[in-house]
Amino acid sequence: MTLNVITCAPCDSAATYRVRADGWFDCPAGHELAPADVDFDGMTTWAVDDSGTLGTVVCPSQSLHAIADALTDLDESDYTADPAHAARAALDTAYSACVNSIAAYRCGIA
């Protein structure tokens, strides 16, 4: 997963918000967004990539919980039905969580 870009709703287009020197965000049309107005549930957090684009990433703490849960599933799964499928599902979950964690890290969130 990469940064999920936040687009400007008033523009009704794919205009993205960019960070300004004062820490606020604006789109090319000049619509402003305050950092305090960027609020999400506990699963995601806002971030700015190296080009200054505002978006969301999965919270690193959520990624770590997903990795821990996947490893627990891998260790405690009942492999009698389909052992390859159970192992593959747990490893896919852990892999996705690692990718999400790397996306957050690339935006400076650790």
Protein backbone atom coordinates (compact mmCIF):
# COMPACT_ATOMS: atom_id res chain seq x y z
CA MET A 1 0.00 0.00 0.00
CA THR A 2 1.11 3.51 -0.66
CA LEU A 3 -0.13 6.90 0.40
CA ASN A 4 -3.88 7.23 -0.24
CA VAL A 5 -4.10 10.75 -1.59
CA ILE A 6 -6.74 13.10 -0.14
CA THR A 7 -8.47 15.10 -2.85
CA CYS A 8 -10.20 18.46 -2.50
CA ALA A 9 -13.96 17.92 -2.13
CA PRO A 10 -14.97 21.51 -3.06
CA CYS A 11 -13.07 21.21 -6.36
CA ASP A 12 -15.03 18.13 -7.50
CA SER A 13 -11.89 16.95 -9.25
CA ALA A 14 -8.74 15.03 -8.53
CA ALA A 15 -7.04 18.13 -7.11
CA THR A 16 -4.80 17.15 -4.23
CA TYR A 17 -3.88 19.03 -1.11
CA ARG A 18 -0.26 20.10 -0.68
CA VAL A 19 1.48 21.16 2.49
CA ARG A 20 2.33 24.85 2.84
CA ALA A 21 5.21 26.43 4.74
CA ASP A 22 2.84 27.33 7.61
CA GLY A 23 1.77 23.69 8.04
CA TRP A 24 -1.68 24.10 6.51
CA PHE A 25 -2.76 22.42 3.28
CA ASP A 26 -4.27 23.85 0.13
CA CYS A 27 -5.28 22.70 -3.32
CA PRO A 28 -4.34 24.43 -6.59
CA ALA A 29 -7.65 26.37 -6.48
CA GLY A 30 -6.77 27.77 -3.04
CA HIS A 31 -9.14 25.78 -0.82
CA GLU A 32 -7.51 25.49 2.60
CA LEU A 33 -7.46 22.65 5.07
CA ALA A 34 -6.16 22.96 8.62
CA PRO A 35 -4.18 20.06 10.11
CA ALA A 36 -6.66 19.95 13.01
CA ASP A 37 -9.47 19.28 10.52
CA VAL A 38 -7.76 16.16 9.19
CA ASP A 39 -9.13 13.48 11.50
CA PHE A 40 -9.56 9.76 10.94
CA ASP A 41 -10.43 6.68 12.92
CA GLY A 42 -7.73 4.72 14.70
CA MET A 43 -6.88 2.62 11.66
CA THR A 44 -5.38 5.40 9.55
CA THR A 45 -3.47 8.60 10.05
CA TRP A 46 -2.69 11.49 7.78
CA ALA A 47 0.75 11.86 6.28
CA VAL A 48 2.64 13.96 3.76
CA ASP A 49 4.85 12.25 1.20
CA ASP A 50 8.18 13.59 -0.06
CA SER A 51 6.43 15.64 -2.77
CA GLY A 52 4.27 17.43 -0.16
CA THR A 53 1.02 15.65 -1.04
CA LEU A 54 -1.48 15.04 1.78
CA GLY A 55 -2.84 11.53 2.17
CA THR A 56 -3.48 8.72 4.57
CA VAL A 57 -1.58 5.63 5.61
CA VAL A 58 -2.40 2.78 7.96
CA CYS A 59 -1.23 3.59 11.50
CA PRO A 60 2.01 1.75 12.25
CA SER A 61 0.51 0.48 15.51
CA GLN A 62 -2.30 -1.15 13.52
CA SER A 63 0.26 -2.75 11.22
CA LEU A 64 2.16 -4.15 14.19
CA HIS A 65 -1.04 -5.60 15.66
CA ALA A 66 -1.88 -7.19 12.30
CA ILE A 67 1.60 -8.76 12.11
CA ALA A 68 1.31 -10.08 15.67
CA ASP A 69 -2.17 -11.50 14.96
CA ALA A 70 -0.93 -13.14 11.75
CA LEU A 71 1.99 -14.75 13.56
CA THR A 72 -0.35 -15.99 16.29
CA ASP A 73 -2.67 -17.42 13.61
CA LEU A 74 0.30 -19.08 11.95
CA ASP A 75 1.33 -20.62 15.26
CA GLU A 76 -2.11 -21.60 16.54
CA SER A 77 -4.09 -22.44 13.38
CA ASP A 78 -5.79 -25.76 12.95
CA TYR A 79 -3.98 -27.12 9.93
CA THR A 80 -6.12 -30.24 9.56
CA ALA A 81 -8.46 -28.84 6.89
CA ASP A 82 -5.99 -27.16 4.54
CA PRO A 83 -2.58 -26.48 6.04
CA ALA A 84 -1.20 -24.70 2.98
CA HIS A 85 -4.16 -22.32 2.82
CA ALA A 86 -4.00 -21.46 6.54
CA ALA A 87 -0.27 -20.73 6.36
CA ARG A 88 -0.63 -18.74 3.15
CA ALA A 89 -3.46 -16.62 4.61
CA ALA A 90 -1.44 -15.79 7.73
CA LEU A 91 1.66 -14.92 5.71
CA ASP A 92 -0.37 -12.78 3.28
CA THR A 93 -1.78 -10.81 6.21
CA ALA A 94 1.69 -10.33 7.70
CA TYR A 95 3.08 -9.26 4.32
CA SER A 96 0.31 -6.69 3.77
CA ALA A 97 0.88 -5.28 7.25
CA CYS A 98 4.61 -4.96 6.52
CA VAL A 99 3.88 -3.10 3.28
CA ASN A 100 1.55 -0.74 5.17
CA SER A 101 4.24 -0.14 7.79
CA ILE A 102 6.81 0.68 5.10
CA ALA A 103 4.39 3.18 3.49
CA ALA A 104 4.02 4.97 6.84
CA TYR A 105 7.78 4.88 7.39
CA ARG A 106 8.39 6.46 3.97
CA CYS A 107 6.19 9.38 5.06
CA GLY A 108 8.21 9.81 8.25
CA ILE A 109 5.83 8.00 10.59
CA ALA A 110 7.46 5.36 12.72
